[in-house]
C-alpha atoms as a PDB file:
ATOM      1  CA  MET A   1     -38.516  32.110  36.094  1.00  0.00           C
ATOM      2  CA  LEU A   2     -36.758  32.742  32.745  1.00  0.00           C
ATOM      3  CA  LEU A   3     -35.247  36.089  31.787  1.00  0.00           C
ATOM      4  CA  VAL A   4     -33.306  36.486  28.518  1.00  0.00           C
ATOM      5  CA  GLU A   5     -31.310  39.539  27.468  1.00  0.00           C
ATOM      6  CA  THR A   6     -30.031  40.033  23.916  1.00  0.00           C
ATOM      7  CA  ARG A   7     -26.592  41.483  23.233  1.00  0.00           C
ATOM      8  CA  HIS A   8     -25.832  42.650  19.700  1.00  0.00           C
ATOM      9  CA  ALA A   9     -22.364  42.480  18.193  1.00  0.00           C
ATOM     10  CA  ILE A  10     -20.173  45.550  18.704  1.00  0.00           C
ATOM     11  CA  SER A  11     -17.368  46.543  16.335  1.00  0.00           C
ATOM     12  CA  PRO A  12     -13.956  47.732  17.584  1.00  0.00           C
ATOM     13  CA  LEU A  13     -14.706  51.184  16.146  1.00  0.00           C
ATOM     14  CA  GLU A  14     -17.823  51.465  18.327  1.00  0.00           C
ATOM     15  CA  ALA A  15     -16.003  50.181  21.403  1.00  0.00           C
ATOM     16  CA  LYS A  16     -13.343  52.885  21.128  1.00  0.00           C
ATOM     17  CA  GLY A  17     -15.925  55.564  21.915  1.00  0.00           C
ATOM     18  CA  MET A  18     -17.681  53.835  24.833  1.00  0.00           C
ATOM     19  CA  ASP A  19     -17.603  55.098  28.384  1.00  0.00           C
ATOM     20  CA  THR A  20     -17.599  52.774  31.397  1.00  0.00           C
ATOM     21  CA  SER A  21     -21.385  52.373  31.499  1.00  0.00           C
ATOM     22  CA  ALA A  22     -21.578  51.489  27.814  1.00  0.00           C
ATOM     23  CA  LEU A  23     -18.727  48.996  28.079  1.00  0.00           C
ATOM     24  CA  ARG A  24     -20.434  47.259  31.000  1.00  0.00           C
ATOM     25  CA  ALA A  25     -23.826  47.240  29.253  1.00  0.00           C
ATOM     26  CA  ASN A  26     -22.391  45.570  26.154  1.00  0.00           C
ATOM     27  CA  PHE A  27     -19.621  43.309  27.429  1.00  0.00           C
ATOM     28  CA  GLN A  28     -20.287  42.504  31.101  1.00  0.00           C
ATOM     29  CA  GLY A  29     -22.751  39.943  32.448  1.00  0.00           C
ATOM     30  CA  GLU A  30     -24.140  40.915  35.857  1.00  0.00           C
ATOM     31  CA  GLY A  31     -26.890  39.449  38.040  1.00  0.00           C
ATOM     32  CA  MET A  32     -27.123  36.113  36.225  1.00  0.00           C
ATOM     33  CA  PHE A  33     -27.364  34.008  39.393  1.00  0.00           C
ATOM     34  CA  GLN A  34     -30.671  34.713  41.141  1.00  0.00           C
ATOM     35  CA  GLU A  35     -32.442  32.192  43.379  1.00  0.00           C
ATOM     36  CA  GLY A  36     -35.321  30.397  41.722  1.00  0.00           C
ATOM     37  CA  GLN A  37     -34.519  31.818  38.292  1.00  0.00           C
ATOM     38  CA  ILE A  38     -32.766  31.130  35.006  1.00  0.00           C
ATOM     39  CA  ARG A  39     -31.166  34.233  33.512  1.00  0.00           C
ATOM     40  CA  LEU A  40     -29.550  34.108  30.086  1.00  0.00           C
ATOM     41  CA  ILE A  41     -27.650  36.455  27.778  1.00  0.00           C
ATOM     42  CA  TYR A  42     -28.182  35.677  24.086  1.00  0.00           C
ATOM     43  CA  THR A  43     -25.257  37.128  22.164  1.00  0.00           C
ATOM     44  CA  HIS A  44     -24.754  37.775  18.478  1.00  0.00           C
ATOM     45  CA  TYR A  45     -21.146  36.620  18.815  1.00  0.00           C
ATOM     46  CA  ASP A  46     -21.383  33.187  17.147  1.00  0.00           C
ATOM     47  CA  ARG A  47     -24.892  32.959  18.701  1.00  0.00           C
ATOM     48  CA  MET A  48     -23.386  32.025  22.063  1.00  0.00           C
ATOM     49  CA  ILE A  49     -25.714  31.946  25.080  1.00  0.00           C
ATOM     50  CA  ILE A  50     -24.382  32.288  28.620  1.00  0.00           C
ATOM     51  CA  GLY A  51     -26.322  32.428  31.865  1.00  0.00           C
ATOM     52  CA  GLY A  52     -27.083  31.060  35.285  1.00  0.00           C
ATOM     53  CA  ALA A  53     -29.659  28.746  36.857  1.00  0.00           C
ATOM     54  CA  VAL A  54     -30.155  28.702  40.631  1.00  0.00           C
ATOM     55  CA  PRO A  55     -32.874  26.246  41.692  1.00  0.00           C
ATOM     56  CA  ALA A  56     -32.326  26.953  45.422  1.00  0.00           C
ATOM     57  CA  GLY A  57     -33.920  23.621  46.351  1.00  0.00           C
ATOM     58  CA  ARG A  58     -36.828  23.941  43.922  1.00  0.00           C
ATOM     59  CA  PRO A  59     -36.382  22.636  40.336  1.00  0.00           C
ATOM     60  CA  VAL A  60     -36.281  25.131  37.467  1.00  0.00           C
ATOM     61  CA  VAL A  61     -36.761  24.114  33.827  1.00  0.00           C
ATOM     62  CA  LEU A  62     -35.088  25.579  30.751  1.00  0.00           C
ATOM     63  CA  ASP A  63     -37.080  24.843  27.621  1.00  0.00           C
ATOM     64  CA  GLN A  64     -38.181  27.366  25.003  1.00  0.00           C
ATOM     65  CA  VAL A  65     -36.035  30.446  24.428  1.00  0.00           C
ATOM     66  CA  LYS A  66     -37.706  32.784  21.965  1.00  0.00           C
ATOM     67  CA  GLN A  67     -34.418  34.124  20.614  1.00  0.00           C
ATOM     68  CA  CYS A  68     -33.437  30.622  19.420  1.00  0.00           C
ATOM     69  CA  GLY A  69     -36.513  30.277  17.206  1.00  0.00           C
ATOM     70  CA  THR A  70     -37.089  26.618  18.108  1.00  0.00           C
ATOM     71  CA  ALA A  71     -39.577  24.791  20.311  1.00  0.00           C
ATOM     72  CA  SER A  72     -36.858  23.912  22.828  1.00  0.00           C
ATOM     73  CA  ILE A  73     -33.415  25.429  23.389  1.00  0.00           C
ATOM     74  CA  LEU A  74     -31.488  22.287  22.435  1.00  0.00           C
ATOM     75  CA  ASP A  75     -33.369  21.499  19.220  1.00  0.00           C
ATOM     76  CA  ARG A  76     -30.459  22.935  17.209  1.00  0.00           C
ATOM     77  CA  ARG A  77     -27.920  23.609  19.952  1.00  0.00           C
ATOM     78  CA  GLU A  78     -25.450  21.966  22.313  1.00  0.00           C
ATOM     79  CA  MET A  79     -24.870  23.015  25.927  1.00  0.00           C
ATOM     80  CA  GLY A  80     -22.183  23.004  28.578  1.00  0.00           C
ATOM     81  CA  VAL A  81     -23.165  23.270  32.254  1.00  0.00           C
ATOM     82  CA  VAL A  82     -20.715  23.934  35.103  1.00  0.00           C
ATOM     83  CA  ASN A  83     -21.779  23.655  38.735  1.00  0.00           C
ATOM     84  CA  ILE A  84     -20.098  26.424  40.745  1.00  0.00           C
ATOM     85  CA  GLY A  85     -22.235  25.903  43.872  1.00  0.00           C
ATOM     86  CA  GLY A  86     -23.417  23.112  46.158  1.00  0.00           C
ATOM     87  CA  ASP A  87     -24.563  19.630  45.222  1.00  0.00           C
ATOM     88  CA  GLY A  88     -27.320  19.510  42.636  1.00  0.00           C
ATOM     89  CA  SER A  89     -28.528  17.685  39.571  1.00  0.00           C
ATOM     90  CA  VAL A  90     -29.354  18.269  35.925  1.00  0.00           C
ATOM     91  CA  THR A  91     -31.951  16.201  34.062  1.00  0.00           C
ATOM     92  CA  ALA A  92     -32.207  16.036  30.255  1.00  0.00           C
ATOM     93  CA  ALA A  93     -33.393  13.406  27.753  1.00  0.00           C
ATOM     94  CA  GLY A  94     -34.585  11.162  30.572  1.00  0.00           C
ATOM     95  CA  GLU A  95     -31.195  11.052  32.333  1.00  0.00           C
ATOM     96  CA  THR A  96     -30.337  12.691  35.652  1.00  0.00           C
ATOM     97  CA  TYR A  97     -26.752  13.734  36.350  1.00  0.00           C
ATOM     98  CA  ALA A  98     -25.664  14.403  39.943  1.00  0.00           C
ATOM     99  CA  MET A  99     -23.241  17.326  39.925  1.00  0.00           C
ATOM    100  CA  SER A 100     -20.900  18.543  42.650  1.00  0.00           C
ATOM    101  CA  LYS A 101     -18.989  21.814  42.536  1.00  0.00           C
ATOM    102  CA  GLY A 102     -16.577  21.849  39.618  1.00  0.00           C
ATOM    103  CA  ASP A 103     -18.327  19.169  37.564  1.00  0.00           C
ATOM    104  CA  VAL A 104     -19.022  19.888  33.878  1.00  0.00           C
ATOM    105  CA  LEU A 105     -21.911  18.409  31.888  1.00  0.00           C
ATOM    106  CA  TYR A 106     -22.148  18.333  28.099  1.00  0.00           C
ATOM    107  CA  LEU A 107     -25.641  18.066  26.607  1.00  0.00           C
ATOM    108  CA  PRO A 108     -26.042  17.453  22.878  1.00  0.00           C
ATOM    109  CA  MET A 109     -28.439  18.732  20.264  1.00  0.00           C
ATOM    110  CA  GLY A 110     -31.890  17.220  20.781  1.00  0.00           C
ATOM    111  CA  ALA A 111     -31.574  16.597  24.514  1.00  0.00           C
ATOM    112  CA  GLY A 112     -34.826  18.476  25.100  1.00  0.00           C
ATOM    113  CA  PRO A 113     -35.833  20.553  28.135  1.00  0.00           C
ATOM    114  CA  VAL A 114     -33.207  20.819  30.885  1.00  0.00           C
ATOM    115  CA  THR A 115     -34.164  20.683  34.579  1.00  0.00           C
ATOM    116  CA  PHE A 116     -31.857  22.066  37.268  1.00  0.00           C
ATOM    117  CA  ALA A 117     -32.370  20.956  40.885  1.00  0.00           C
ATOM    118  CA  GLY A 118     -30.756  20.932  44.309  1.00  0.00           C
ATOM    119  CA  GLN A 119     -28.381  23.496  45.792  1.00  0.00           C
ATOM    120  CA  GLY A 120     -26.213  23.944  42.710  1.00  0.00           C
ATOM    121  CA  ARG A 121     -25.402  27.213  41.016  1.00  0.00           C
ATOM    122  CA  PHE A 122     -25.275  26.246  37.370  1.00  0.00           C
ATOM    123  CA  TYR A 123     -23.395  28.229  34.755  1.00  0.00           C
ATOM    124  CA  ILE A 124     -24.898  27.634  31.305  1.00  0.00           C
ATOM    125  CA  THR A 125     -23.197  27.992  27.925  1.00  0.00           C
ATOM    126  CA  SER A 126     -24.808  27.064  24.608  1.00  0.00           C
ATOM    127  CA  CYS A 127     -24.047  27.462  20.919  1.00  0.00           C
ATOM    128  CA  PRO A 128     -25.480  26.118  17.632  1.00  0.00           C
ATOM    129  CA  ALA A 129     -24.821  22.471  16.757  1.00  0.00           C
ATOM    130  CA  HIS A 130     -25.078  20.471  13.543  1.00  0.00           C
ATOM    131  CA  ARG A 131     -25.380  16.931  14.919  1.00  0.00           C
ATOM    132  CA  ALA A 132     -26.176  15.008  18.083  1.00  0.00           C
ATOM    133  CA  LEU A 133     -23.247  13.640  20.077  1.00  0.00           C
ATOM    134  CA  PRO A 134     -23.250  11.633  23.323  1.00  0.00           C
ATOM    135  CA  ALA A 135     -24.015  13.487  26.552  1.00  0.00           C
ATOM    136  CA  ARG A 136     -21.177  13.314  29.056  1.00  0.00           C
ATOM    137  CA  LEU A 137     -20.540  14.307  32.662  1.00  0.00           C
ATOM    138  CA  VAL A 138     -16.867  15.191  33.141  1.00  0.00           C
ATOM    139  CA  ARG A 139     -15.486  15.489  36.659  1.00  0.00           C
ATOM    140  CA  LEU A 140     -12.342  17.413  37.583  1.00  0.00           C
ATOM    141  CA  GLU A 141     -10.170  14.294  37.787  1.00  0.00           C
ATOM    142  CA  GLU A 142     -11.158  13.436  34.184  1.00  0.00           C
ATOM    143  CA  ALA A 143     -10.212  16.826  32.758  1.00  0.00           C
ATOM    144  CA  LYS A 144      -7.006  17.318  30.809  1.00  0.00           C
ATOM    145  CA  LYS A 145      -4.707  19.546  32.861  1.00  0.00           C
ATOM    146  CA  LEU A 146      -2.174  22.030  31.574  1.00  0.00           C
ATOM    147  CA  THR A 147       0.000  23.942  34.059  1.00  0.00           C
ATOM    148  CA  LEU A 148       1.505  27.197  32.812  1.00  0.00           C
ATOM    149  CA  GLY A 149       3.187  30.353  34.100  1.00  0.00           C
ATOM    150  CA  ALA A 150       5.387  30.891  37.133  1.00  0.00           C
ATOM    151  CA  ASP A 151       5.240  32.346  40.625  1.00  0.00           C
ATOM    152  CA  GLU A 152       7.637  35.170  39.736  1.00  0.00           C
ATOM    153  CA  THR A 153       5.293  36.399  36.999  1.00  0.00           C
ATOM    154  CA  ALA A 154       2.181  35.951  39.186  1.00  0.00           C
ATOM    155  CA  ASN A 155       0.502  33.712  36.595  1.00  0.00           C
ATOM    156  CA  HIS A 156       1.181  30.175  37.830  1.00  0.00           C
ATOM    157  CA  ARG A 157      -2.057  28.409  36.937  1.00  0.00           C
ATOM    158  CA  THR A 158      -3.644  25.106  35.966  1.00  0.00           C
ATOM    159  CA  ILE A 159      -5.949  25.042  32.962  1.00  0.00           C
ATOM    160  CA  ASN A 160      -8.590  22.307  33.257  1.00  0.00           C
ATOM    161  CA  GLN A 161      -9.961  21.295  29.854  1.00  0.00           C
ATOM    162  CA  PHE A 162     -13.388  19.587  29.894  1.00  0.00           C
ATOM    163  CA  ILE A 163     -15.372  20.059  26.669  1.00  0.00           C
ATOM    164  CA  HIS A 164     -12.254  19.876  24.561  1.00  0.00           C
ATOM    165  CA  PRO A 165     -11.026  17.747  21.625  1.00  0.00           C
ATOM    166  CA  GLU A 166      -8.477  15.987  23.852  1.00  0.00           C
ATOM    167  CA  VAL A 167     -11.202  14.962  26.328  1.00  0.00           C
ATOM    168  CA  MET A 168     -14.439  14.555  24.347  1.00  0.00           C
ATOM    169  CA  GLU A 169     -16.141  15.536  21.112  1.00  0.00           C
ATOM    170  CA  SER A 170     -18.452  18.494  20.585  1.00  0.00           C
ATOM    171  CA  CYS A 171     -19.703  20.389  17.551  1.00  0.00           C
ATOM    172  CA  GLN A 172     -18.151  23.783  18.279  1.00  0.00           C
ATOM    173  CA  LEU A 173     -18.307  24.398  22.029  1.00  0.00           C
ATOM    174  CA  VAL A 174     -14.968  24.388  23.864  1.00  0.00           C
ATOM    175  CA  LEU A 175     -15.028  24.864  27.651  1.00  0.00           C
ATOM    176  CA  GLY A 176     -12.886  24.574  30.741  1.00  0.00           C
ATOM    177  CA  TYR A 177     -11.790  26.532  33.760  1.00  0.00           C
ATOM    178  CA  THR A 178      -8.558  27.916  35.138  1.00  0.00           C
ATOM    179  CA  GLN A 179      -7.417  27.751  38.761  1.00  0.00           C
ATOM    180  CA  PHE A 180      -4.518  29.733  40.192  1.00  0.00           C
ATOM    181  CA  HIS A 181      -1.682  28.612  42.414  1.00  0.00           C
ATOM    182  CA  GLY A 182      -1.044  30.547  45.636  1.00  0.00           C
ATOM    183  CA  GLY A 183      -0.074  34.176  45.075  1.00  0.00           C
ATOM    184  CA  SER A 184      -0.813  34.235  41.331  1.00  0.00           C
ATOM    185  CA  VAL A 185      -3.545  36.493  39.942  1.00  0.00           C
ATOM    186  CA  TRP A 186      -2.747  37.171  36.247  1.00  0.00           C
ATOM    187  CA  ASN A 187      -4.563  35.143  33.618  1.00  0.00           C
ATOM    188  CA  THR A 188      -3.647  34.521  30.002  1.00  0.00           C
ATOM    189  CA  MET A 189      -0.585  36.709  29.736  1.00  0.00           C
ATOM    190  CA  PRO A 190       0.803  37.489  27.290  1.00  0.00           C
ATOM    191  CA  ALA A 191      -2.563  38.339  25.779  1.00  0.00           C
ATOM    192  CA  HIS A 192      -3.825  36.914  22.502  1.00  0.00           C
ATOM    193  CA  LEU A 193      -6.572  37.142  19.904  1.00  0.00           C
ATOM    194  CA  HIS A 194      -8.471  34.435  18.035  1.00  0.00           C
ATOM    195  CA  ASP A 195     -10.337  35.934  15.129  1.00  0.00           C
ATOM    196  CA  ARG A 196     -12.140  32.685  14.315  1.00  0.00           C
ATOM    197  CA  ARG A 197     -13.782  32.257  17.734  1.00  0.00           C
ATOM    198  CA  MET A 198     -15.527  34.375  20.333  1.00  0.00           C
ATOM    199  CA  GLU A 199     -14.982  33.698  24.031  1.00  0.00           C
ATOM    200  CA  ALA A 200     -16.815  34.300  27.288  1.00  0.00           C
ATOM    201  CA  TYR A 201     -15.311  34.311  30.777  1.00  0.00           C
ATOM    202  CA  LEU A 202     -17.183  33.693  34.016  1.00  0.00           C
ATOM    203  CA  TYR A 203     -15.204  34.779  37.064  1.00  0.00           C
ATOM    204  CA  PHE A 204     -16.085  32.931  40.282  1.00  0.00           C
ATOM    205  CA  ASP A 205     -14.737  32.133  43.744  1.00  0.00           C
ATOM    206  CA  ILE A 206     -13.784  35.796  44.111  1.00  0.00           C
ATOM    207  CA  PRO A 207     -13.774  36.623  47.860  1.00  0.00           C
ATOM    208  CA  ASP A 208     -16.184  39.221  49.232  1.00  0.00           C
ATOM    209  CA  GLY A 209     -14.955  42.750  48.675  1.00  0.00           C
ATOM    210  CA  GLN A 210     -12.429  41.730  45.990  1.00  0.00           C
ATOM    211  CA  ARG A 211     -12.526  42.308  42.239  1.00  0.00           C
ATOM    212  CA  VAL A 212     -10.970  41.181  38.971  1.00  0.00           C
ATOM    213  CA  PHE A 213      -9.851  43.730  36.390  1.00  0.00           C
ATOM    214  CA  HIS A 214     -10.691  42.189  33.018  1.00  0.00           C
ATOM    215  CA  PHE A 215      -8.835  43.713  30.093  1.00  0.00           C
ATOM    216  CA  MET A 216     -10.429  43.853  26.653  1.00  0.00           C
ATOM    217  CA  GLY A 217     -10.267  45.800  23.406  1.00  0.00           C
ATOM    218  CA  GLU A 218      -7.904  45.877  20.458  1.00  0.00           C
ATOM    219  CA  PRO A 219      -4.256  45.466  21.494  1.00  0.00           C
ATOM    220  CA  ASN A 220      -3.552  49.139  20.783  1.00  0.00           C
ATOM    221  CA  GLU A 221      -6.885  50.341  22.274  1.00  0.00           C
ATOM    222  CA  THR A 222      -7.277  48.449  25.530  1.00  0.00           C
ATOM    223  CA  ARG A 223     -10.199  48.926  27.905  1.00  0.00           C
ATOM    224  CA  HIS A 224     -11.115  47.279  31.191  1.00  0.00           C
ATOM    225  CA  LEU A 225     -14.107  45.976  33.141  1.00  0.00           C
ATOM    226  CA  VAL A 226     -14.212  45.721  36.942  1.00  0.00           C
ATOM    227  CA  ILE A 227     -15.743  42.309  37.660  1.00  0.00           C
ATOM    228  CA  ALA A 228     -17.306  40.994  40.875  1.00  0.00           C
ATOM    229  CA  ASN A 229     -17.918  37.373  41.866  1.00  0.00           C
ATOM    230  CA  GLU A 230     -20.064  35.343  39.436  1.00  0.00           C
ATOM    231  CA  GLU A 231     -19.973  37.987  36.726  1.00  0.00           C
ATOM    232  CA  ALA A 232     -19.038  37.388  33.101  1.00  0.00           C
ATOM    233  CA  ALA A 233     -17.114  39.136  30.345  1.00  0.00           C
ATOM    234  CA  LEU A 234     -17.969  38.735  26.664  1.00  0.00           C
ATOM    235  CA  SER A 235     -14.957  38.772  24.351  1.00  0.00           C
ATOM    236  CA  PRO A 236     -15.510  39.456  20.634  1.00  0.00           C
ATOM    237  CA  PRO A 237     -13.045  37.887  18.186  1.00  0.00           C
ATOM    238  CA  TRP A 238     -11.221  41.228  17.767  1.00  0.00           C
ATOM    239  CA  SER A 239     -10.617  41.690  21.497  1.00  0.00           C
ATOM    240  CA  ILE A 240      -7.897  40.586  23.866  1.00  0.00           C
ATOM    241  CA  HIS A 241      -9.122  38.850  27.022  1.00  0.00           C
ATOM    242  CA  CYS A 242      -7.002  38.725  30.139  1.00  0.00           C
ATOM    243  CA  GLY A 243      -7.199  39.927  33.705  1.00  0.00           C
ATOM    244  CA  ALA A 244      -5.759  40.317  37.171  1.00  0.00           C
ATOM    245  CA  GLY A 245      -7.466  40.026  40.546  1.00  0.00           C
ATOM    246  CA  THR A 246      -7.037  41.717  43.895  1.00  0.00           C
ATOM    247  CA  ALA A 247      -7.229  38.206  45.387  1.00  0.00           C
ATOM    248  CA  SER A 248      -7.282  34.609  44.205  1.00  0.00           C
ATOM    249  CA  TYR A 249     -10.115  33.582  41.866  1.00  0.00           C
ATOM    250  CA  SER A 250     -11.111  31.070  39.188  1.00  0.00           C
ATOM    251  CA  PHE A 251     -12.642  31.595  35.775  1.00  0.00           C
ATOM    252  CA  ILE A 252     -14.560  29.508  33.251  1.00  0.00           C
ATOM    253  CA  TRP A 253     -13.707  30.033  29.597  1.00  0.00           C
ATOM    254  CA  ALA A 254     -16.074  29.004  26.821  1.00  0.00           C
ATOM    255  CA  MET A 255     -15.599  29.451  23.081  1.00  0.00           C
ATOM    256  CA  ALA A 256     -17.601  28.995  19.898  1.00  0.00           C
ATOM    257  CA  GLY A 257     -16.785  29.677  16.267  1.00  0.00           C
ATOM    258  CA  ASP A 258     -15.159  28.226  13.178  1.00  0.00           C
ATOM    259  CA  ASN A 259     -13.042  25.576  14.889  1.00  0.00           C
ATOM    260  CA  VAL A 260     -12.283  23.831  18.186  1.00  0.00           C
ATOM    261  CA  ASP A 261      -8.509  24.292  18.003  1.00  0.00           C
ATOM    262  CA  TYR A 262      -7.493  25.678  21.398  1.00  0.00           C
ATOM    263  CA  ARG A 263      -4.087  26.651  19.956  1.00  0.00           C
ATOM    264  CA  ASP A 264      -5.495  28.717  17.073  1.00  0.00           C
ATOM    265  CA  VAL A 265      -4.483  32.092  18.514  1.00  0.00           C
ATOM    266  CA  GLU A 266      -2.510  35.182  17.562  1.00  0.00           C
ATOM    267  CA  SER A 267      -0.241  36.161  20.449  1.00  0.00           C
ATOM    268  CA  VAL A 268       0.198  39.835  21.329  1.00  0.00           C
ATOM    269  CA  ALA A 269       3.573  40.903  22.638  1.00  0.00           C
ATOM    270  CA  MET A 270       3.532  42.840  25.912  1.00  0.00           C
ATOM    271  CA  GLU A 271       5.310  45.778  24.279  1.00  0.00           C
ATOM    272  CA  ASP A 272       2.512  46.071  21.702  1.00  0.00           C
ATOM    273  CA  LEU A 273      -0.256  46.629  24.266  1.00  0.00           C
ATOM    274  CA  ARG A 274      -1.507  50.179  24.636  1.00  0.00           C
END
């Protein structure tokens, strides 16, 4: 029921020499959403875990993860859960949270085993924590919204901030998702870096037969990943992270690192990209 893959940290020097297969093996998350299973990727980027849980009508339980070195995954961690599927529920620390598509649940350190049930498709993010904070279910209407971009630059989008200092408190996890307005497909342009935090993207709601081209790498050594629906991209602190789709899509962004300042970025001018 539980499958965990470990991803070691890759330097920009190593990434320069990687072919497509190596880039995908190190930076792309595929096959995380399988019925009746929990599949996780344990990364050495700020010890972030990402993954998927698909109960498919039969509850699945996330408890001990060997890579964490604790009896239960949340003994020294916090977790963010996003439902990208049908109605379902998540149970932790004796509380059950009903979750519809788009809902985000924060679970604190010490919340114990986590049970996923119903028809949800649950995207899991987790990073180390230093103290226990209140659990909270945040629905879309409670998120802080930031609308950026324009139709003429194909990046008119609304950023929904959930696990975020302006909405709620966490130890180091910051999470939300971005939705595009009609006809827009470019995300996070101009590109940027944030050396003090890693980031992971999960692309979802990509129509059948369509793809997102996720751009990564140093600004003067860019690479790309071709991403299908419900696949992720891992972004090291030294890498840009932006993309464009062949059709409309949404993506979840999650960060961990030295701070929770969403604005702590170094912008990269378009003319400096190579």
